[in-house]
Amino acid sequence: MAKTIKREQEVVVIAGAHKGKRGKVLEVKAPEKILVEGVNLITKYERKTQENPEGGSVQREAPIHYSNVMPAEKYDAKSK
């Protein structure tokens, strides 16, 4: 399968726990992982620093495999 998924492209998750969610691709990680906005969120705990004196928890996107997503245009055309 050719990797046709690029940054800033809208995609739909077609497999896994987040099936059916849409979002923009934030980053393409090497070699087969991508970050999708608002999909596969995990909680990371940050240490107290001078910039962040409170510390605390932050939700971030975790990478998912590119085979679990499809470009939104192709998904919409297929569902008609």
N, C-alpha and C. Protein backbone atom coordinates (compact mmCIF):
# COMPACT_ATOMS: atom_id res chain seq x y z
N MET A 1 0.85 -1.18 0.00
CA MET A 1 0.00 0.00 0.00
C MET A 1 0.89 1.24 0.00
N ALA A 2 0.62 2.13 -0.93
CA ALA A 2 1.38 3.36 -1.00
C ALA A 2 0.96 4.28 0.14
N LYS A 3 1.93 4.94 0.75
CA LYS A 3 1.64 5.86 1.85
C LYS A 3 1.17 7.19 1.26
N THR A 4 -0.13 7.40 1.22
CA THR A 4 -0.68 8.62 0.63
C THR A 4 -1.14 9.59 1.70
N ILE A 5 -0.85 9.32 2.95
CA ILE A 5 -1.29 10.17 4.05
C ILE A 5 -0.20 11.19 4.35
N LYS A 6 -0.61 12.48 4.31
CA LYS A 6 0.35 13.55 4.52
C LYS A 6 -0.13 14.45 5.66
N ARG A 7 0.78 15.29 6.16
CA ARG A 7 0.47 16.21 7.25
C ARG A 7 -0.61 17.20 6.80
N GLU A 8 -1.47 17.62 7.75
CA GLU A 8 -2.57 18.57 7.54
C GLU A 8 -3.72 18.00 6.72
N GLN A 9 -3.69 16.72 6.39
CA GLN A 9 -4.75 16.07 5.64
C GLN A 9 -5.79 15.55 6.63
N GLU A 10 -7.08 15.61 6.26
CA GLU A 10 -8.12 15.08 7.13
C GLU A 10 -8.27 13.58 6.86
N VAL A 11 -8.32 12.81 7.95
CA VAL A 11 -8.43 11.36 7.85
C VAL A 11 -9.55 10.85 8.75
N VAL A 12 -9.99 9.62 8.48
CA VAL A 12 -10.99 8.93 9.29
C VAL A 12 -10.36 7.63 9.78
N VAL A 13 -10.53 7.34 11.07
CA VAL A 13 -10.01 6.09 11.63
C VAL A 13 -10.97 4.97 11.23
N ILE A 14 -10.45 3.92 10.61
CA ILE A 14 -11.31 2.84 10.11
C ILE A 14 -11.18 1.55 10.91
N ALA A 15 -10.27 1.51 11.89
CA ALA A 15 -10.09 0.31 12.69
C ALA A 15 -9.61 0.68 14.08
N GLY A 16 -9.96 -0.16 15.04
CA GLY A 16 -9.47 0.06 16.40
C GLY A 16 -10.52 0.68 17.30
N ALA A 17 -10.10 1.08 18.48
CA ALA A 17 -11.00 1.60 19.50
C ALA A 17 -11.59 2.95 19.12
N HIS A 18 -10.95 3.70 18.24
CA HIS A 18 -11.41 5.03 17.86
C HIS A 18 -12.03 5.05 16.47
N LYS A 19 -12.59 3.93 16.06
CA LYS A 19 -13.17 3.77 14.73
C LYS A 19 -14.27 4.81 14.50
N GLY A 20 -14.20 5.47 13.35
CA GLY A 20 -15.21 6.45 12.98
C GLY A 20 -14.84 7.89 13.30
N LYS A 21 -13.80 8.13 14.08
CA LYS A 21 -13.40 9.49 14.43
C LYS A 21 -12.63 10.13 13.28
N ARG A 22 -12.82 11.44 13.14
CA ARG A 22 -12.13 12.21 12.12
C ARG A 22 -11.16 13.18 12.78
N GLY A 23 -10.12 13.52 12.06
CA GLY A 23 -9.17 14.51 12.56
C GLY A 23 -8.10 14.81 11.53
N LYS A 24 -7.38 15.89 11.78
CA LYS A 24 -6.26 16.27 10.91
C LYS A 24 -5.00 15.55 11.36
N VAL A 25 -4.15 15.23 10.41
CA VAL A 25 -2.87 14.61 10.70
C VAL A 25 -1.93 15.70 11.21
N LEU A 26 -1.45 15.54 12.45
CA LEU A 26 -0.54 16.51 13.04
C LEU A 26 0.90 16.25 12.63
N GLU A 27 1.26 14.96 12.56
CA GLU A 27 2.66 14.61 12.27
C GLU A 27 2.71 13.19 11.73
N VAL A 28 3.61 12.96 10.79
CA VAL A 28 3.88 11.62 10.28
C VAL A 28 5.19 11.18 10.90
N LYS A 29 5.11 10.15 11.76
CA LYS A 29 6.30 9.67 12.46
C LYS A 29 6.87 8.47 11.69
N ALA A 30 8.16 8.29 11.81
CA ALA A 30 8.83 7.22 11.08
C ALA A 30 8.57 5.88 11.71
N PRO A 31 8.47 4.82 10.98
CA PRO A 31 8.22 4.80 9.56
C PRO A 31 6.74 4.65 9.23
N GLU A 32 5.92 4.14 10.14
CA GLU A 32 4.52 3.83 9.79
C GLU A 32 3.52 4.35 10.79
N LYS A 33 3.87 5.35 11.58
CA LYS A 33 2.97 5.87 12.61
C LYS A 33 2.59 7.31 12.29
N ILE A 34 1.36 7.70 12.68
CA ILE A 34 0.93 9.07 12.49
C ILE A 34 0.22 9.56 13.75
N LEU A 35 0.23 10.87 13.95
CA LEU A 35 -0.52 11.50 15.03
C LEU A 35 -1.74 12.17 14.43
N VAL A 36 -2.93 11.86 14.95
CA VAL A 36 -4.17 12.44 14.47
C VAL A 36 -4.77 13.27 15.59
N GLU A 37 -5.18 14.48 15.27
CA GLU A 37 -5.71 15.43 16.25
C GLU A 37 -6.98 14.88 16.91
N GLY A 38 -6.96 14.78 18.24
CA GLY A 38 -8.12 14.35 19.01
C GLY A 38 -8.38 12.85 19.02
N VAL A 39 -7.47 12.05 18.50
CA VAL A 39 -7.64 10.60 18.43
C VAL A 39 -6.53 9.93 19.23
N ASN A 40 -6.88 8.89 19.98
CA ASN A 40 -5.92 8.10 20.75
C ASN A 40 -5.21 8.96 21.80
N LEU A 41 -5.99 9.66 22.61
CA LEU A 41 -5.44 10.53 23.64
C LEU A 41 -4.93 9.72 24.83
N ILE A 42 -3.76 10.09 25.34
CA ILE A 42 -3.20 9.47 26.54
C ILE A 42 -2.88 10.57 27.54
N THR A 43 -2.75 10.22 28.80
CA THR A 43 -2.43 11.18 29.84
C THR A 43 -0.96 11.07 30.18
N LYS A 44 -0.25 12.21 30.08
CA LYS A 44 1.15 12.29 30.46
C LYS A 44 1.23 13.18 31.69
N TYR A 45 2.10 12.84 32.63
CA TYR A 45 2.27 13.63 33.84
C TYR A 45 3.55 14.43 33.73
N GLU A 46 3.43 15.75 33.93
CA GLU A 46 4.58 16.63 33.80
C GLU A 46 5.13 17.01 35.16
N ARG A 47 6.42 17.09 35.23
CA ARG A 47 7.13 17.48 36.43
C ARG A 47 7.02 19.00 36.63
N LYS A 48 7.13 19.44 37.85
CA LYS A 48 7.12 20.87 38.14
C LYS A 48 8.40 21.50 37.61
N THR A 49 8.26 22.61 36.88
CA THR A 49 9.40 23.35 36.36
C THR A 49 9.16 24.84 36.58
N GLN A 50 10.11 25.66 36.22
CA GLN A 50 9.92 27.10 36.33
C GLN A 50 8.86 27.58 35.35
N GLU A 51 8.80 26.99 34.17
CA GLU A 51 7.78 27.36 33.19
C GLU A 51 6.40 26.87 33.58
N ASN A 52 6.34 25.73 34.27
CA ASN A 52 5.08 25.11 34.68
C ASN A 52 5.18 24.78 36.18
N PRO A 53 4.99 25.78 37.05
CA PRO A 53 5.18 25.54 38.49
C PRO A 53 4.15 24.60 39.11
N GLU A 54 3.01 24.41 38.45
CA GLU A 54 1.98 23.53 38.97
C GLU A 54 2.29 22.05 38.69
N GLY A 55 2.93 21.79 37.55
CA GLY A 55 3.10 20.40 37.14
C GLY A 55 1.77 19.87 36.67
N GLY A 56 1.47 18.61 36.92
CA GLY A 56 0.16 18.06 36.63
C GLY A 56 0.11 17.18 35.41
N SER A 57 -1.12 16.89 34.98
CA SER A 57 -1.32 15.97 33.88
C SER A 57 -1.75 16.71 32.61
N VAL A 58 -1.35 16.16 31.47
CA VAL A 58 -1.65 16.74 30.17
C VAL A 58 -2.10 15.61 29.26
N GLN A 59 -3.16 15.86 28.47
CA GLN A 59 -3.58 14.86 27.51
C GLN A 59 -2.93 15.15 26.17
N ARG A 60 -2.35 14.11 25.57
CA ARG A 60 -1.67 14.23 24.29
C ARG A 60 -2.11 13.11 23.38
N GLU A 61 -1.91 13.33 22.07
CA GLU A 61 -2.20 12.28 21.10
C GLU A 61 -1.06 11.28 21.06
N ALA A 62 -1.41 10.02 20.97
CA ALA A 62 -0.41 8.96 20.81
C ALA A 62 -0.45 8.51 19.35
N PRO A 63 0.66 8.04 18.81
CA PRO A 63 0.67 7.64 17.40
C PRO A 63 -0.14 6.37 17.16
N ILE A 64 -0.75 6.30 15.97
CA ILE A 64 -1.45 5.10 15.54
C ILE A 64 -0.86 4.67 14.19
N HIS A 65 -1.07 3.43 13.82
CA HIS A 65 -0.53 2.90 12.58
C HIS A 65 -1.28 3.48 11.40
N TYR A 66 -0.55 3.80 10.33
CA TYR A 66 -1.16 4.45 9.19
C TYR A 66 -2.19 3.57 8.48
N SER A 67 -2.12 2.25 8.65
CA SER A 67 -3.08 1.36 7.99
C SER A 67 -4.46 1.41 8.65
N ASN A 68 -4.55 2.04 9.83
CA ASN A 68 -5.84 2.14 10.52
C ASN A 68 -6.59 3.42 10.17
N VAL A 69 -6.08 4.21 9.25
CA VAL A 69 -6.76 5.43 8.83
C VAL A 69 -6.91 5.46 7.31
N MET A 70 -7.87 6.29 6.88
CA MET A 70 -8.13 6.45 5.46
C MET A 70 -8.39 7.94 5.21
N PRO A 71 -7.93 8.48 4.09
CA PRO A 71 -8.24 9.88 3.79
C PRO A 71 -9.75 10.11 3.78
N ALA A 72 -10.20 11.24 4.31
CA ALA A 72 -11.63 11.51 4.46
C ALA A 72 -12.34 11.57 3.12
N GLU A 73 -11.69 12.11 2.08
CA GLU A 73 -12.33 12.20 0.77
C GLU A 73 -12.65 10.81 0.21
N LYS A 74 -11.69 9.92 0.36
CA LYS A 74 -11.87 8.54 -0.12
C LYS A 74 -12.95 7.82 0.70
N TYR A 75 -12.98 8.06 2.02
CA TYR A 75 -13.96 7.45 2.91
C TYR A 75 -15.37 7.91 2.56
N ASP A 76 -15.53 9.23 2.32
CA ASP A 76 -16.84 9.77 1.97
C ASP A 76 -17.32 9.26 0.62
N ALA A 77 -16.42 9.16 -0.35
CA ALA A 77 -16.79 8.67 -1.68
C ALA A 77 -17.19 7.20 -1.62
N LYS A 78 -16.54 6.43 -0.75
CA LYS A 78 -16.84 5.00 -0.62
C LYS A 78 -18.18 4.77 0.05
N SER A 79 -18.56 5.65 0.99
CA SER A 79 -19.79 5.46 1.74
C SER A 79 -21.05 5.88 0.99
N LYS A 80 -20.90 6.49 -0.19
CA LYS A 80 -22.07 6.92 -0.99
C LYS A 80 -22.68 5.78 -1.73
